Amino acid sequence: MKEEMKRKIDAVLDTVKDPESFRSVSELNLVKKVTWSESQKKLVVHTDIGEPRSTCIVCGVVNETLRQSIMRNLKEEFDKSFPDLDVEVI
């Protein structure tokens, strides 16, 4: 991967914050890898944000809401930074 591409990806990961702690997803290691296919014009962001496993229903709802928020924010920021690529966050 080109160095410029790495810098842009790192900048996005530093920008997106966890809504609860306000720390970046980079700082929290919530993204395990990002793959890029120049020929397919596709960027895939592989997160490491697990599904809620709490037996408490309210805790599960809160955790799922936070997870979805982070995933949505990642998608939005990557779409803004890479408008010419198809971005998928999984």
Foldseek 3Di string as FASTA:
>chain_A
DDPVVVVLLVVLQQVQAQPPPRGGCVVVVQWVDWDADPVQLAIETEGNQDQDDDPDPVVNVVSVVSVVVSQVSSCVSVCVSRVSGHYHYD
